[in-house]
Amino acid sequence: MEPYEKLANAIILQAAKDYRACRKFLQQHPRTRELEAVVAEQIARRERRQAKRKEKGLPVVKAKHSREELLLKRIGLAEREIAGIERFFRSKWYRQLTDADGETVLQKLQEEEWT
C-alpha cells in the first residue's frame, strides 16, 4: 500500500472514530428542553447578579460556568462535529481520498447500535 493510501485510510478511519464517539456522547447526554431551560435560568441569574454588582460599583466577577452550562456546550460541540464529519463524507475531498461511497459509509455509521 502506498503512503498516500495509508494516509487517506487513516483520515477516513479517524473521521469514523470521531463520529462514533460524538454519537455515543450525544446518546448518553441528549440535548433536552429541560437542560436548555436550566441553563437559560442560570445565565439569567448570573447576569442579574452581575448587574447588581455593577450598580453598587463593585468589580464584575469573572463568570464561572455551571456543570449544566458546560454540558450543554459539549453537546453543541459534539453536534457541530457530527455535522462537519457528515459534510466530510459527502465532500469532494473525501471522493479524492477513496472510491468508497461516502453516503454508504455514513449510512452504515448512522445504523450502528449505540448501547
N, C-alpha and C. Protein backbone atom coordinates (compact mmCIF):
# COMPACT_ATOMS: atom_id res chain seq x y z
N MET A 1 0.85 -1.17 0.00
CA MET A 1 0.00 0.00 0.00
C MET A 1 0.90 1.25 0.00
N GLU A 2 0.57 2.18 -0.84
CA GLU A 2 1.32 3.43 -0.95
C GLU A 2 1.11 4.30 0.29
N PRO A 3 2.08 5.13 0.62
CA PRO A 3 1.91 6.03 1.77
C PRO A 3 0.68 6.92 1.64
N TYR A 4 0.37 7.38 0.43
CA TYR A 4 -0.81 8.21 0.22
C TYR A 4 -2.07 7.43 0.60
N GLU A 5 -2.14 6.17 0.21
CA GLU A 5 -3.31 5.35 0.53
C GLU A 5 -3.42 5.13 2.04
N LYS A 6 -2.28 4.93 2.71
CA LYS A 6 -2.30 4.76 4.16
C LYS A 6 -2.82 6.02 4.84
N LEU A 7 -2.35 7.17 4.37
CA LEU A 7 -2.80 8.43 4.94
C LEU A 7 -4.29 8.64 4.69
N ALA A 8 -4.74 8.37 3.48
CA ALA A 8 -6.16 8.53 3.15
C ALA A 8 -7.01 7.62 4.03
N ASN A 9 -6.59 6.38 4.18
CA ASN A 9 -7.34 5.44 5.04
C ASN A 9 -7.35 5.90 6.49
N ALA A 10 -6.22 6.43 6.97
CA ALA A 10 -6.15 6.90 8.35
C ALA A 10 -7.09 8.08 8.57
N ILE A 11 -7.18 8.97 7.60
CA ILE A 11 -8.08 10.13 7.71
C ILE A 11 -9.53 9.66 7.80
N ILE A 12 -9.89 8.73 6.93
CA ILE A 12 -11.27 8.23 6.90
C ILE A 12 -11.60 7.46 8.18
N LEU A 13 -10.67 6.63 8.63
CA LEU A 13 -10.89 5.87 9.86
C LEU A 13 -11.02 6.80 11.07
N GLN A 14 -10.22 7.86 11.11
CA GLN A 14 -10.31 8.80 12.23
C GLN A 14 -11.65 9.53 12.20
N ALA A 15 -12.12 9.88 11.02
CA ALA A 15 -13.43 10.54 10.91
C ALA A 15 -14.53 9.61 11.44
N ALA A 16 -14.46 8.34 11.08
CA ALA A 16 -15.45 7.38 11.55
C ALA A 16 -15.37 7.21 13.07
N LYS A 17 -14.15 7.16 13.60
CA LYS A 17 -13.96 7.02 15.05
C LYS A 17 -14.52 8.24 15.78
N ASP A 18 -14.23 9.43 15.27
CA ASP A 18 -14.74 10.66 15.88
C ASP A 18 -16.27 10.71 15.81
N TYR A 19 -16.83 10.27 14.69
CA TYR A 19 -18.28 10.26 14.52
C TYR A 19 -18.92 9.35 15.56
N ARG A 20 -18.35 8.17 15.73
CA ARG A 20 -18.88 7.23 16.72
C ARG A 20 -18.80 7.80 18.14
N ALA A 21 -17.68 8.42 18.46
CA ALA A 21 -17.51 8.99 19.79
C ALA A 21 -18.53 10.09 20.06
N CYS A 22 -18.76 10.94 19.07
CA CYS A 22 -19.75 12.02 19.24
C CYS A 22 -21.15 11.46 19.36
N ARG A 23 -21.48 10.48 18.54
CA ARG A 23 -22.82 9.88 18.62
C ARG A 23 -23.04 9.23 19.98
N LYS A 24 -22.01 8.54 20.48
CA LYS A 24 -22.13 7.88 21.78
C LYS A 24 -22.32 8.92 22.88
N PHE A 25 -21.55 10.01 22.82
CA PHE A 25 -21.69 11.07 23.81
C PHE A 25 -23.09 11.65 23.78
N LEU A 26 -23.61 11.91 22.57
CA LEU A 26 -24.94 12.51 22.46
C LEU A 26 -26.05 11.54 22.88
N GLN A 27 -25.80 10.27 22.73
CA GLN A 27 -26.79 9.30 23.22
C GLN A 27 -26.84 9.33 24.75
N GLN A 28 -25.68 9.46 25.36
CA GLN A 28 -25.61 9.47 26.82
C GLN A 28 -26.04 10.82 27.40
N HIS A 29 -25.86 11.88 26.60
CA HIS A 29 -26.16 13.24 27.06
C HIS A 29 -26.97 13.98 26.00
N PRO A 30 -28.23 13.65 25.86
CA PRO A 30 -29.03 14.30 24.81
C PRO A 30 -29.36 15.75 25.17
N ARG A 31 -29.53 16.55 24.13
CA ARG A 31 -30.00 17.93 24.33
C ARG A 31 -31.48 17.84 24.65
N THR A 32 -31.88 18.44 25.76
CA THR A 32 -33.29 18.44 26.15
C THR A 32 -33.75 19.85 26.42
N ARG A 33 -35.04 20.05 26.33
CA ARG A 33 -35.61 21.37 26.65
C ARG A 33 -35.37 21.71 28.12
N GLU A 34 -35.43 20.69 28.96
CA GLU A 34 -35.22 20.91 30.39
C GLU A 34 -33.81 21.43 30.66
N LEU A 35 -32.82 20.81 30.03
CA LEU A 35 -31.44 21.24 30.21
C LEU A 35 -31.26 22.66 29.69
N GLU A 36 -31.82 22.95 28.54
CA GLU A 36 -31.71 24.29 27.98
C GLU A 36 -32.38 25.32 28.89
N ALA A 37 -33.52 24.95 29.50
CA ALA A 37 -34.22 25.86 30.40
C ALA A 37 -33.40 26.11 31.66
N VAL A 38 -32.81 25.07 32.22
CA VAL A 38 -31.98 25.21 33.42
C VAL A 38 -30.81 26.14 33.12
N VAL A 39 -30.15 25.93 31.99
CA VAL A 39 -29.01 26.76 31.63
C VAL A 39 -29.43 28.20 31.41
N ALA A 40 -30.55 28.40 30.72
CA ALA A 40 -31.03 29.77 30.48
C ALA A 40 -31.31 30.47 31.80
N GLU A 41 -31.90 29.78 32.76
CA GLU A 41 -32.19 30.37 34.07
C GLU A 41 -30.89 30.67 34.82
N GLN A 42 -29.92 29.79 34.74
CA GLN A 42 -28.65 30.02 35.42
C GLN A 42 -27.94 31.25 34.84
N ILE A 43 -27.97 31.38 33.53
CA ILE A 43 -27.35 32.53 32.89
C ILE A 43 -28.07 33.82 33.28
N ALA A 44 -29.39 33.78 33.29
CA ALA A 44 -30.17 34.96 33.66
C ALA A 44 -29.87 35.38 35.09
N ARG A 45 -29.79 34.42 36.01
CA ARG A 45 -29.47 34.72 37.41
C ARG A 45 -28.09 35.34 37.53
N ARG A 46 -27.12 34.77 36.80
CA ARG A 46 -25.76 35.29 36.85
C ARG A 46 -25.72 36.72 36.31
N GLU A 47 -26.43 36.97 35.23
CA GLU A 47 -26.46 38.32 34.66
C GLU A 47 -27.12 39.32 35.61
N ARG A 48 -28.15 38.88 36.32
CA ARG A 48 -28.79 39.76 37.31
C ARG A 48 -27.82 40.08 38.44
N ARG A 49 -27.09 39.08 38.92
CA ARG A 49 -26.10 39.30 39.98
C ARG A 49 -25.02 40.27 39.51
N GLN A 50 -24.57 40.07 38.27
CA GLN A 50 -23.53 40.96 37.73
C GLN A 50 -24.04 42.38 37.62
N ALA A 51 -25.29 42.54 37.18
CA ALA A 51 -25.88 43.88 37.05
C ALA A 51 -25.97 44.55 38.42
N LYS A 52 -26.35 43.81 39.45
CA LYS A 52 -26.43 44.37 40.81
C LYS A 52 -25.05 44.81 41.29
N ARG A 53 -24.04 44.01 41.03
CA ARG A 53 -22.68 44.36 41.42
C ARG A 53 -22.25 45.65 40.72
N LYS A 54 -22.59 45.74 39.46
CA LYS A 54 -22.22 46.91 38.67
C LYS A 54 -22.92 48.16 39.22
N GLU A 55 -24.20 48.03 39.57
CA GLU A 55 -24.96 49.14 40.14
C GLU A 55 -24.33 49.64 41.44
N LYS A 56 -23.82 48.70 42.22
CA LYS A 56 -23.21 49.05 43.51
C LYS A 56 -21.77 49.53 43.35
N GLY A 57 -21.27 49.52 42.13
CA GLY A 57 -19.91 49.96 41.89
C GLY A 57 -18.86 48.93 42.23
N LEU A 58 -19.29 47.70 42.40
CA LEU A 58 -18.35 46.62 42.70
C LEU A 58 -17.76 46.07 41.41
N PRO A 59 -16.56 45.50 41.50
CA PRO A 59 -15.98 44.94 40.27
C PRO A 59 -16.79 43.72 39.79
N VAL A 60 -16.83 43.58 38.48
CA VAL A 60 -17.53 42.44 37.89
C VAL A 60 -16.65 41.21 38.07
N VAL A 61 -17.24 40.16 38.60
CA VAL A 61 -16.52 38.92 38.86
C VAL A 61 -16.58 38.05 37.61
N LYS A 62 -15.46 37.42 37.30
CA LYS A 62 -15.44 36.53 36.16
C LYS A 62 -16.43 35.38 36.38
N ALA A 63 -17.25 35.13 35.37
CA ALA A 63 -18.31 34.12 35.49
C ALA A 63 -17.72 32.72 35.53
N LYS A 64 -18.27 31.93 36.44
CA LYS A 64 -17.94 30.51 36.48
C LYS A 64 -19.13 29.77 35.91
N HIS A 65 -18.86 28.93 34.95
CA HIS A 65 -19.94 28.20 34.29
C HIS A 65 -20.35 26.98 35.10
N SER A 66 -21.63 26.74 35.14
CA SER A 66 -22.14 25.59 35.88
C SER A 66 -21.88 24.30 35.11
N ARG A 67 -22.05 23.21 35.81
CA ARG A 67 -21.89 21.90 35.20
C ARG A 67 -22.85 21.75 34.02
N GLU A 68 -24.08 22.25 34.18
CA GLU A 68 -25.09 22.15 33.12
C GLU A 68 -24.70 22.99 31.91
N GLU A 69 -24.15 24.18 32.16
CA GLU A 69 -23.70 25.02 31.04
C GLU A 69 -22.58 24.35 30.26
N LEU A 70 -21.63 23.78 30.98
CA LEU A 70 -20.52 23.09 30.32
C LEU A 70 -21.02 21.88 29.54
N LEU A 71 -21.96 21.16 30.11
CA LEU A 71 -22.54 20.01 29.41
C LEU A 71 -23.23 20.46 28.13
N LEU A 72 -24.03 21.51 28.20
CA LEU A 72 -24.73 22.00 27.02
C LEU A 72 -23.73 22.46 25.96
N LYS A 73 -22.64 23.06 26.40
CA LYS A 73 -21.60 23.49 25.46
C LYS A 73 -20.97 22.27 24.78
N ARG A 74 -20.68 21.23 25.54
CA ARG A 74 -20.10 20.00 24.96
C ARG A 74 -21.09 19.34 24.00
N ILE A 75 -22.36 19.39 24.33
CA ILE A 75 -23.38 18.83 23.43
C ILE A 75 -23.36 19.59 22.11
N GLY A 76 -23.31 20.90 22.18
CA GLY A 76 -23.24 21.71 20.96
C GLY A 76 -22.00 21.41 20.14
N LEU A 77 -20.87 21.24 20.80
CA LEU A 77 -19.64 20.90 20.10
C LEU A 77 -19.75 19.53 19.41
N ALA A 78 -20.33 18.57 20.09
CA ALA A 78 -20.49 17.24 19.50
C ALA A 78 -21.45 17.29 18.31
N GLU A 79 -22.51 18.08 18.42
CA GLU A 79 -23.46 18.21 17.31
C GLU A 79 -22.78 18.85 16.09
N ARG A 80 -21.96 19.87 16.34
CA ARG A 80 -21.25 20.52 15.22
C ARG A 80 -20.20 19.58 14.62
N GLU A 81 -19.54 18.80 15.47
CA GLU A 81 -18.55 17.83 14.98
C GLU A 81 -19.22 16.80 14.08
N ILE A 82 -20.37 16.30 14.49
CA ILE A 82 -21.10 15.34 13.67
C ILE A 82 -21.47 15.96 12.33
N ALA A 83 -21.97 17.19 12.36
CA ALA A 83 -22.34 17.86 11.11
C ALA A 83 -21.13 18.02 10.19
N GLY A 84 -19.98 18.37 10.77
CA GLY A 84 -18.77 18.51 9.98
C GLY A 84 -18.31 17.19 9.38
N ILE A 85 -18.39 16.13 10.14
CA ILE A 85 -17.98 14.82 9.64
C ILE A 85 -18.93 14.36 8.54
N GLU A 86 -20.22 14.62 8.71
CA GLU A 86 -21.17 14.28 7.65
C GLU A 86 -20.86 15.05 6.37
N ARG A 87 -20.49 16.33 6.51
CA ARG A 87 -20.10 17.10 5.32
C ARG A 87 -18.85 16.49 4.68
N PHE A 88 -17.90 16.05 5.52
CA PHE A 88 -16.68 15.42 5.01
C PHE A 88 -17.00 14.20 4.16
N PHE A 89 -17.88 13.32 4.66
CA PHE A 89 -18.19 12.10 3.92
C PHE A 89 -18.93 12.39 2.61
N ARG A 90 -19.49 13.58 2.49
CA ARG A 90 -20.19 13.97 1.26
C ARG A 90 -19.34 14.90 0.38
N SER A 91 -18.12 15.16 0.79
CA SER A 91 -17.30 16.18 0.15
C SER A 91 -16.49 15.67 -1.04
N LYS A 92 -16.04 16.63 -1.80
CA LYS A 92 -15.16 16.35 -2.94
C LYS A 92 -13.83 15.78 -2.43
N TRP A 93 -13.37 16.33 -1.30
CA TRP A 93 -12.11 15.84 -0.74
C TRP A 93 -12.20 14.35 -0.40
N TYR A 94 -13.30 13.93 0.22
CA TYR A 94 -13.49 12.52 0.54
C TYR A 94 -13.42 11.68 -0.73
N ARG A 95 -14.07 12.15 -1.79
CA ARG A 95 -14.07 11.40 -3.06
C ARG A 95 -12.67 11.34 -3.67
N GLN A 96 -11.81 12.31 -3.35
CA GLN A 96 -10.43 12.26 -3.82
C GLN A 96 -9.61 11.26 -3.01
N LEU A 97 -10.00 11.03 -1.78
CA LEU A 97 -9.26 10.11 -0.92
C LEU A 97 -9.56 8.65 -1.23
N THR A 98 -10.80 8.36 -1.66
CA THR A 98 -11.20 6.97 -1.82
C THR A 98 -12.30 6.84 -2.86
N ASP A 99 -12.46 5.61 -3.34
CA ASP A 99 -13.55 5.32 -4.26
C ASP A 99 -14.80 4.86 -3.51
N ALA A 100 -14.66 4.59 -2.21
CA ALA A 100 -15.81 4.15 -1.41
C ALA A 100 -16.85 5.27 -1.35
N ASP A 101 -18.12 4.90 -1.50
CA ASP A 101 -19.20 5.88 -1.48
C ASP A 101 -19.38 6.43 -0.07
N GLY A 102 -19.24 7.73 0.07
CA GLY A 102 -19.34 8.37 1.37
C GLY A 102 -20.73 8.27 1.98
N GLU A 103 -21.77 8.35 1.15
CA GLU A 103 -23.15 8.22 1.66
C GLU A 103 -23.37 6.85 2.28
N THR A 104 -22.83 5.83 1.63
CA THR A 104 -22.98 4.46 2.14
C THR A 104 -22.25 4.31 3.47
N VAL A 105 -21.02 4.82 3.54
CA VAL A 105 -20.26 4.75 4.79
C VAL A 105 -21.00 5.48 5.90
N LEU A 106 -21.50 6.67 5.58
CA LEU A 106 -22.23 7.47 6.56
C LEU A 106 -23.51 6.75 7.01
N GLN A 107 -24.20 6.14 6.08
CA GLN A 107 -25.42 5.40 6.42
C GLN A 107 -25.09 4.24 7.36
N LYS A 108 -24.00 3.53 7.09
CA LYS A 108 -23.60 2.42 7.96
C LYS A 108 -23.26 2.93 9.36
N LEU A 109 -22.57 4.07 9.44
CA LEU A 109 -22.25 4.64 10.75
C LEU A 109 -23.52 5.03 11.50
N GLN A 110 -24.49 5.58 10.80
CA GLN A 110 -25.74 6.01 11.43
C GLN A 110 -26.57 4.82 11.89
N GLU A 111 -26.44 3.68 11.23
CA GLU A 111 -27.22 2.50 11.58
C GLU A 111 -26.63 1.71 12.74
N GLU A 112 -25.38 1.99 13.11
CA GLU A 112 -24.73 1.25 14.18
C GLU A 112 -25.52 1.43 15.49
N GLU A 113 -25.54 0.38 16.28
CA GLU A 113 -26.19 0.42 17.59
C GLU A 113 -25.28 1.10 18.58
N TRP A 114 -25.85 1.89 19.49
CA TRP A 114 -25.07 2.63 20.49
C TRP A 114 -25.49 2.20 21.88
N THR A 115 -25.16 0.99 22.25
CA THR A 115 -25.51 0.52 23.58
C THR A 115 -24.28 0.32 24.43
